[in-house]
Amino acid sequence: MRILLITNLYPPHGRGGAEIVVAQEARDLRDQGHEVTVLTTRPFSGVSSLAPRTSVEDGISVYRYFPLNIFWYRNDYKHSPPVRFLWHIIDTLNIHAWFVVRRFLRRMKPDEVHTHNLKGIGITTAVAVRAFVTKQRAVKTLRPAMRWIHLLHDVQLVTPSGLLVAGKERVWQHTGILTRVYRAVCRRLIGSPPIVRAPSQWVWEQHRAYGFFQTSAFEKVVWYTPGAALLASWHPTRPLRFLFVGQLAPHKGILFLLDVIKTLPGGACILNVVGDGPLMDAVREQARDMPWVHIHGRLSLQRVKELFKETDCLLFPSLAHENCPTIIVEALRQGIPVLASRVGGVPEIVQDGVNGWLVEAGDGDAWRAALTRLAVAQ
């Protein structure tokens, strides 16, 4: 079966767990014997980058191109709000992306298309996919109509930033007229793919609350079955080893976490911080007076898995609602408990007192109490 995956970013380019999920899906489909193709983006490198160029990566054909816009999606944090605002308008109504995807579908004629995050590769991508499916169904052929599956990674269709900060769900950035117009346009452009998948009930219900996917069938993807993972390998005579993995951005709560960590008694714990992002300099500066905090920068997934062997507990202090963070899933698979913010779909995989603990997002006293209970009581 010929299967096409469409996604805004694909390794080695990435900024979070979504890219890891897509890459794993591509490998799994490849191992099942399917002919897998990925269509994704790349940085601008001249006029030639506006057309897809292919490379074979791990037996998977990967086509990368630059959707015509002001900047590449991966670099959005480098630009001012007015520039990002204009970028969002172009991205949402990107005619170039629609043309590229339409032509690509006509040439490839896939049996199945899986769309993932479309912000950065053009929401109009969905229009091209839907038109191709409709045309196939209208034409009587011996081949069955192409199947279209959309996977939700976050709330990019609900709000332009893709972020809903806990406790600030009703601020003007999410309820104002511009966001309502954006949401209505996205709702019209993406329509109702036959099948919508998501790893959390929460993210599906968020979209349904705003009128998305009215006729779509929902399938929950289960990446992890909760099981006991508490105190299995902790040693009482050494500092507890904590790990943070994520984008060093305000909504991930890394500065909030460091503020809490510095109040713990010296020598009570070790914190390894993995990731990069716009707050890297601020993180290094804040950690300068805390020798028990080690900043590693961005590491490969393999290196992160090796670091799990030196970890007692994963810390997930996100200040924003999350769908189903891949780093939590991976930690639980390794038998490592998680201390996490009670946000979004996180409570669907972290069960308080079973495989981790849940704390209110941004509550410094609650986080300090939880960390003290774990680190100092050992």
Protein backbone atom coordinates (compact mmCIF):
# COMPACT_ATOMS: atom_id res chain seq x y z
CA MET A 1 0.00 0.00 0.00
CA ARG A 2 1.28 3.49 -0.85
CA ILE A 3 0.94 5.72 2.21
CA LEU A 4 1.72 9.44 2.28
CA LEU A 5 2.45 11.28 5.54
CA ILE A 6 2.14 15.08 5.46
CA THR A 7 3.65 17.02 8.35
CA ASN A 8 5.08 20.47 9.02
CA LEU A 9 8.39 19.19 10.43
CA TYR A 10 10.24 15.90 10.17
CA PRO A 11 13.57 14.82 11.72
CA PRO A 12 16.26 16.00 11.82
CA HIS A 13 14.18 19.19 11.93
CA GLY A 14 11.94 19.34 14.96
CA ARG A 15 10.77 21.29 17.98
CA GLY A 16 8.81 18.78 20.06
CA GLY A 17 7.28 15.34 20.32
CA ALA A 18 5.09 15.53 17.20
CA GLU A 19 8.04 15.01 14.88
CA ILE A 20 9.16 11.97 16.87
CA VAL A 21 5.65 10.52 16.59
CA VAL A 22 5.53 11.01 12.81
CA ALA A 23 8.98 9.49 12.33
CA GLN A 24 8.02 6.47 14.42
CA GLU A 25 4.79 6.05 12.46
CA ALA A 26 6.74 6.17 9.19
CA ARG A 27 9.13 3.47 10.41
CA ASP A 28 6.31 1.28 11.69
CA LEU A 29 4.45 1.49 8.38
CA ARG A 30 7.68 0.76 6.52
CA ASP A 31 8.30 -2.31 8.67
CA GLN A 32 4.78 -3.52 7.90
CA GLY A 33 5.72 -3.62 4.23
CA HIS A 34 4.07 -0.41 3.03
CA GLU A 35 5.62 2.03 0.58
CA VAL A 36 5.95 5.13 2.77
CA THR A 37 6.47 8.69 1.57
CA VAL A 38 6.76 11.81 3.74
CA LEU A 39 6.01 15.33 2.50
CA THR A 40 7.37 18.02 4.81
CA THR A 41 9.12 21.38 4.92
CA ARG A 42 12.67 22.65 4.74
CA PRO A 43 14.39 26.03 5.23
CA PHE A 44 14.46 28.45 2.31
CA SER A 45 17.62 28.02 0.22
CA GLY A 46 16.78 29.71 -3.04
CA VAL A 47 14.04 29.36 -5.63
CA SER A 48 14.76 25.65 -6.07
CA SER A 49 13.63 24.98 -2.48
CA LEU A 50 10.06 25.96 -3.40
CA ALA A 51 9.65 22.59 -5.15
CA PRO A 52 9.82 19.26 -3.28
CA ARG A 53 13.19 17.51 -3.41
CA THR A 54 13.51 13.89 -2.39
CA SER A 55 15.93 11.87 -0.33
CA VAL A 56 15.72 8.32 0.97
CA GLU A 57 16.04 8.13 4.75
CA ASP A 58 15.84 4.73 6.47
CA GLY A 59 14.04 3.27 3.48
CA ILE A 60 11.49 6.11 3.48
CA SER A 61 11.15 8.63 0.65
CA VAL A 62 11.16 12.10 2.20
CA TYR A 63 10.19 15.12 0.09
CA ARG A 64 11.04 18.51 1.55
CA TYR A 65 10.15 21.96 0.26
CA PHE A 66 9.75 25.53 1.50
CA PRO A 67 6.10 26.68 1.53
CA LEU A 68 6.32 30.24 0.26
CA ASN A 69 6.13 32.55 3.27
CA ILE A 70 8.08 35.17 5.23
CA PHE A 71 10.13 32.62 7.19
CA TRP A 72 10.41 28.89 7.88
CA TYR A 73 8.11 27.61 10.64
CA ARG A 74 10.99 26.26 12.74
CA ASN A 75 12.33 29.81 13.13
CA ASP A 76 9.12 31.54 14.22
CA TYR A 77 10.45 32.44 17.69
CA LYS A 78 13.10 34.65 16.09
CA HIS A 79 10.54 37.11 14.72
CA SER A 80 8.42 39.89 16.23
CA PRO A 81 4.66 39.48 16.88
CA PRO A 82 3.61 41.65 13.89
CA VAL A 83 5.76 39.59 11.53
CA ARG A 84 4.43 36.34 13.00
CA PHE A 85 0.87 37.66 12.61
CA LEU A 86 1.41 38.24 8.89
CA TRP A 87 3.09 34.84 8.62
CA HIS A 88 -0.01 33.17 10.16
CA ILE A 89 -2.27 34.78 7.56
CA ILE A 90 -0.09 33.59 4.68
CA ASP A 91 0.29 30.12 6.20
CA THR A 92 -3.44 29.66 6.73
CA LEU A 93 -4.29 30.63 3.15
CA ASN A 94 -1.09 29.41 1.46
CA ILE A 95 -1.89 28.96 -2.24
CA HIS A 96 1.61 27.71 -2.97
CA ALA A 97 1.22 24.87 -0.44
CA TRP A 98 -2.18 23.95 -1.90
CA PHE A 99 -0.71 23.81 -5.41
CA VAL A 100 2.30 21.70 -4.34
CA VAL A 101 0.18 19.17 -2.43
CA ARG A 102 -2.44 18.92 -5.19
CA ARG A 103 0.23 18.22 -7.79
CA PHE A 104 2.00 15.78 -5.47
CA LEU A 105 -1.20 13.79 -4.86
CA ARG A 106 -2.00 13.59 -8.56
CA ARG A 107 1.46 12.27 -9.31
CA MET A 108 1.79 9.83 -6.41
CA LYS A 109 -1.82 8.61 -6.23
CA PRO A 110 -1.47 7.24 -2.67
CA ASP A 111 -3.82 4.66 -1.21
CA GLU A 112 -3.82 6.43 2.13
CA VAL A 113 -2.88 9.89 3.42
CA HIS A 114 -2.07 10.70 7.03
CA THR A 115 -2.02 14.44 7.80
CA HIS A 116 -0.38 15.65 10.99
CA ASN A 117 0.43 19.19 12.14
CA LEU A 118 -0.32 21.47 9.18
CA LYS A 119 0.71 24.83 10.61
CA GLY A 120 3.90 25.68 8.78
CA ILE A 121 3.10 23.60 5.72
CA GLY A 122 -0.20 25.39 5.05
CA ILE A 123 -3.71 24.65 6.30
CA THR A 124 -4.70 24.66 2.61
CA THR A 125 -2.95 21.30 2.44
CA ALA A 126 -6.16 19.84 3.86
CA VAL A 127 -8.17 21.43 1.04
CA ALA A 128 -6.00 19.69 -1.56
CA VAL A 129 -6.34 16.34 0.24
CA ARG A 130 -10.11 16.65 0.62
CA ALA A 131 -10.54 17.60 -3.06
CA PHE A 132 -8.46 14.61 -4.13
CA VAL A 133 -10.56 12.23 -2.00
CA THR A 134 -13.81 13.73 -3.34
CA LYS A 135 -12.65 13.44 -6.94
CA GLN A 136 -11.63 9.82 -6.46
CA ARG A 137 -15.02 8.94 -5.05
CA ALA A 138 -16.78 10.68 -7.92
CA VAL A 139 -14.82 8.78 -10.56
CA LYS A 140 -15.85 5.14 -10.93
CA THR A 141 -12.65 3.09 -10.91
CA LEU A 142 -11.57 -0.35 -9.85
CA ARG A 143 -9.35 1.15 -7.14
CA PRO A 144 -10.94 1.94 -3.76
CA ALA A 145 -11.04 5.62 -2.82
CA MET A 146 -8.02 6.99 -0.99
CA ARG A 147 -8.34 6.90 2.80
CA TRP A 148 -7.62 10.10 4.74
CA ILE A 149 -6.63 10.07 8.43
CA HIS A 150 -5.82 13.21 10.42
CA LEU A 151 -3.88 12.99 13.70
CA LEU A 152 -4.21 15.73 16.33
CA HIS A 153 -1.02 16.66 18.15
CA ASP A 154 -2.16 19.93 19.75
CA VAL A 155 -4.66 22.78 19.38
CA GLN A 156 -3.08 24.63 16.45
CA LEU A 157 -6.44 24.74 14.67
CA VAL A 158 -8.20 26.21 17.70
CA THR A 159 -5.81 29.07 18.42
CA PRO A 160 -2.98 30.47 16.25
CA SER A 161 -0.31 30.01 18.91
CA GLY A 162 -1.27 26.37 19.43
CA LEU A 163 -1.00 27.02 23.17
CA LEU A 164 -3.64 27.17 25.88
CA VAL A 165 -1.99 28.26 29.10
CA ALA A 166 -3.63 26.73 32.15
CA GLY A 167 -5.86 29.27 33.89
CA LYS A 168 -5.77 31.62 30.90
CA GLU A 169 -8.04 29.75 28.51
CA ARG A 170 -10.43 32.71 28.18
CA VAL A 171 -7.96 35.52 27.58
CA TRP A 172 -8.46 37.71 24.50
CA GLN A 173 -5.76 35.89 22.51
CA HIS A 174 -8.08 32.86 22.41
CA THR A 175 -11.50 34.53 22.42
CA GLY A 176 -10.96 37.75 20.42
CA ILE A 177 -12.40 38.43 16.98
CA LEU A 178 -9.17 37.65 15.11
CA THR A 179 -8.87 34.23 16.73
CA ARG A 180 -12.54 33.49 16.06
CA VAL A 181 -12.04 34.36 12.40
CA TYR A 182 -8.90 32.21 12.26
CA ARG A 183 -10.76 29.31 13.87
CA ALA A 184 -13.67 29.62 11.44
CA VAL A 185 -11.32 29.64 8.46
CA CYS A 186 -9.43 26.60 9.74
CA ARG A 187 -12.71 24.79 10.41
CA ARG A 188 -13.79 25.45 6.83
CA LEU A 189 -10.43 24.53 5.29
CA ILE A 190 -9.86 21.22 7.07
CA GLY A 191 -13.48 20.08 6.96
CA SER A 192 -14.16 16.66 8.45
CA PRO A 193 -11.56 14.04 7.54
CA PRO A 194 -13.19 10.58 7.59
CA ILE A 195 -11.02 9.52 10.54
CA VAL A 196 -9.47 11.72 13.22
CA ARG A 197 -7.04 10.16 15.66
CA ALA A 198 -5.59 11.55 18.88
CA PRO A 199 -3.75 10.11 21.87
CA SER A 200 -5.99 11.96 24.33
CA GLN A 201 -9.71 12.43 24.71
CA TRP A 202 -8.98 15.97 25.88
CA VAL A 203 -7.61 17.28 22.57
CA TRP A 204 -10.49 15.72 20.63
CA GLU A 205 -13.06 17.34 22.91
CA GLN A 206 -11.33 20.71 22.60
CA HIS A 207 -11.79 20.64 18.84
CA ARG A 208 -15.35 19.37 19.02
CA ALA A 209 -16.24 22.18 21.43
CA TYR A 210 -15.35 24.65 18.69
CA GLY A 211 -17.27 22.85 15.96
CA PHE A 212 -14.45 20.93 14.30
CA PHE A 213 -14.81 17.47 12.71
CA GLN A 214 -18.60 17.26 12.93
CA THR A 215 -18.86 14.13 10.76
CA SER A 216 -15.46 12.58 11.51
CA ALA A 217 -15.04 9.26 13.28
CA PHE A 218 -12.75 9.52 16.31
CA GLU A 219 -10.14 6.89 17.16
CA LYS A 220 -8.10 7.23 20.33
CA VAL A 221 -4.50 6.14 19.87
CA VAL A 222 -3.18 4.42 22.98
CA TRP A 223 0.58 4.74 23.23
CA TYR A 224 0.91 3.67 26.84
CA THR A 225 -1.12 1.59 29.28
CA PRO A 226 -0.70 2.98 32.81
CA GLY A 227 1.05 0.70 35.24
CA ALA A 228 2.84 0.99 38.57
CA ALA A 229 6.24 2.69 38.36
CA LEU A 230 6.86 4.21 41.77
CA LEU A 231 10.02 4.02 43.82
CA ALA A 232 11.12 0.89 41.98
CA SER A 233 14.83 1.76 41.80
CA TRP A 234 15.32 4.72 44.10
CA HIS A 235 18.26 4.61 46.44
CA PRO A 236 17.87 6.27 49.87
CA THR A 237 21.53 7.22 50.35
CA ARG A 238 22.13 9.46 47.33
CA PRO A 239 20.57 12.62 45.86
CA LEU A 240 17.48 11.99 43.76
CA ARG A 241 18.09 12.35 40.02
CA PHE A 242 15.47 14.42 38.23
CA LEU A 243 15.21 14.96 34.48
CA PHE A 244 13.54 17.69 32.41
CA VAL A 245 13.25 17.21 28.64
CA GLY A 246 11.51 19.78 26.48
CA GLN A 247 11.65 23.01 24.58
CA LEU A 248 13.21 25.79 26.62
CA ALA A 249 10.24 28.08 26.13
CA PRO A 250 8.04 29.95 28.63
CA HIS A 251 5.02 27.63 28.34
CA LYS A 252 7.11 24.56 29.22
CA GLY A 253 7.71 25.92 32.73
CA ILE A 254 11.48 25.49 32.82
CA LEU A 255 12.16 28.84 34.56
CA PHE A 256 9.32 28.14 36.97
CA LEU A 257 10.90 24.75 37.74
CA LEU A 258 14.34 26.25 38.36
CA ASP A 259 12.79 28.79 40.74
CA VAL A 260 11.33 25.92 42.75
CA ILE A 261 14.42 23.69 42.57
CA LYS A 262 16.69 26.38 44.00
CA THR A 263 14.63 26.41 47.22
CA LEU A 264 15.46 22.76 47.96
CA PRO A 265 18.33 21.99 50.35
CA GLY A 266 21.71 21.76 48.63
CA GLY A 267 22.63 18.21 47.71
CA ALA A 268 19.05 16.96 47.91
CA CYS A 269 18.79 16.31 44.18
CA ILE A 270 20.40 16.49 40.76
CA LEU A 271 18.50 17.98 37.82
CA ASN A 272 19.45 17.25 34.20
CA VAL A 273 17.92 19.69 31.70
CA VAL A 274 17.69 18.59 28.07
CA GLY A 275 16.44 20.85 25.26
CA ASP A 276 17.00 24.14 23.54
CA GLY A 277 14.92 27.16 22.63
CA PRO A 278 14.54 30.89 23.17
CA LEU A 279 15.14 30.66 26.94
CA MET A 280 18.49 28.87 26.71
CA ASP A 281 20.51 31.90 27.87
CA ALA A 282 18.09 32.61 30.72
CA VAL A 283 18.21 28.96 31.81
CA ARG A 284 22.01 28.93 31.84
CA GLU A 285 22.07 32.18 33.81
CA GLN A 286 19.58 30.93 36.39
CA ALA A 287 21.39 27.60 36.78
CA ARG A 288 24.78 29.24 37.22
CA ASP A 289 24.47 29.32 41.01
CA MET A 290 23.05 25.80 41.21
CA PRO A 291 25.87 23.28 40.62
CA TRP A 292 23.39 20.42 40.96
CA VAL A 293 21.62 21.55 37.76
CA HIS A 294 23.23 20.33 34.53
CA ILE A 295 22.26 21.90 31.17
CA HIS A 296 22.80 19.47 28.27
CA GLY A 297 21.22 21.36 25.37
CA ARG A 298 19.48 19.42 22.63
CA LEU A 299 20.25 15.67 22.59
CA SER A 300 19.30 12.86 20.24
CA LEU A 301 16.47 10.53 21.25
CA GLN A 302 19.01 7.75 21.74
CA ARG A 303 21.05 9.90 24.12
CA VAL A 304 17.90 10.84 26.05
CA LYS A 305 17.09 7.16 26.44
CA GLU A 306 20.58 6.61 27.82
CA LEU A 307 20.03 9.47 30.26
CA PHE A 308 16.87 7.70 31.47
CA LYS A 309 19.19 5.07 32.99
CA GLU A 310 20.51 7.79 35.30
CA THR A 311 17.07 9.17 36.17
CA ASP A 312 14.79 8.52 39.13
CA CYS A 313 11.91 10.80 38.17
CA LEU A 314 10.89 12.85 35.12
CA LEU A 315 9.70 16.40 35.83
CA PHE A 316 7.03 17.88 33.53
CA PRO A 317 6.15 21.37 34.84
CA SER A 318 4.27 22.59 31.75
CA LEU A 319 2.21 25.75 32.23
CA ALA A 320 0.12 25.02 29.12
CA HIS A 321 -2.34 22.26 28.34
CA GLU A 322 -0.65 19.34 26.59
CA ASN A 323 -2.08 16.57 24.44
CA CYS A 324 -0.03 13.43 25.18
CA PRO A 325 3.62 14.41 25.70
CA THR A 326 5.91 11.80 24.12
CA ILE A 327 8.58 12.33 26.76
CA ILE A 328 6.11 11.25 29.46
CA VAL A 329 5.12 8.18 27.46
CA GLU A 330 8.76 7.24 26.94
CA ALA A 331 9.62 7.71 30.62
CA LEU A 332 6.71 5.52 31.74
CA ARG A 333 7.71 2.85 29.25
CA GLN A 334 11.12 2.86 30.93
CA GLY A 335 9.46 2.44 34.33
CA ILE A 336 10.36 5.97 35.43
CA PRO A 337 7.66 7.81 37.42
CA VAL A 338 6.62 11.32 36.44
CA LEU A 339 5.87 14.41 38.48
CA ALA A 340 3.70 16.45 36.13
CA SER A 341 1.37 19.40 35.85
CA ARG A 342 -2.31 18.47 35.81
CA VAL A 343 -2.96 19.86 32.31
CA GLY A 344 -4.76 18.74 29.16
CA GLY A 345 -4.45 15.05 28.43
CA VAL A 346 -1.65 14.40 30.93
CA PRO A 347 -3.99 12.89 33.59
CA GLU A 348 -5.04 10.30 31.00
CA ILE A 349 -1.56 8.72 31.18
CA VAL A 350 -0.15 9.81 34.54
CA GLN A 351 -2.20 8.33 37.37
CA ASP A 352 -1.57 10.08 40.65
CA GLY A 353 0.05 7.70 43.12
CA VAL A 354 0.33 4.87 40.59
CA ASN A 355 2.94 5.82 37.99
CA GLY A 356 3.56 9.40 39.10
CA TRP A 357 2.11 12.45 40.76
CA LEU A 358 -0.01 15.33 39.47
CA VAL A 359 0.41 18.92 40.67
CA GLU A 360 -1.48 22.06 39.69
CA ALA A 361 0.33 23.95 36.93
CA GLY A 362 2.21 27.03 38.06
CA ASP A 363 1.50 26.47 41.76
CA GLY A 364 4.92 27.11 43.28
CA ASP A 365 3.96 25.99 46.80
CA ALA A 366 2.45 22.73 45.54
CA TRP A 367 5.46 21.94 43.36
CA ARG A 368 7.87 22.80 46.16
CA ALA A 369 6.00 20.51 48.54
CA ALA A 370 5.94 17.66 46.01
CA LEU A 371 9.65 17.94 45.20
CA THR A 372 10.57 18.23 48.88
CA ARG A 373 8.50 15.16 49.68
CA LEU A 374 10.32 13.19 46.99
CA ALA A 375 13.89 14.50 47.29
CA VAL A 376 14.30 15.32 50.97
CA ALA A 377 12.35 12.40 52.39
CA GLN A 378 14.54 9.81 50.66
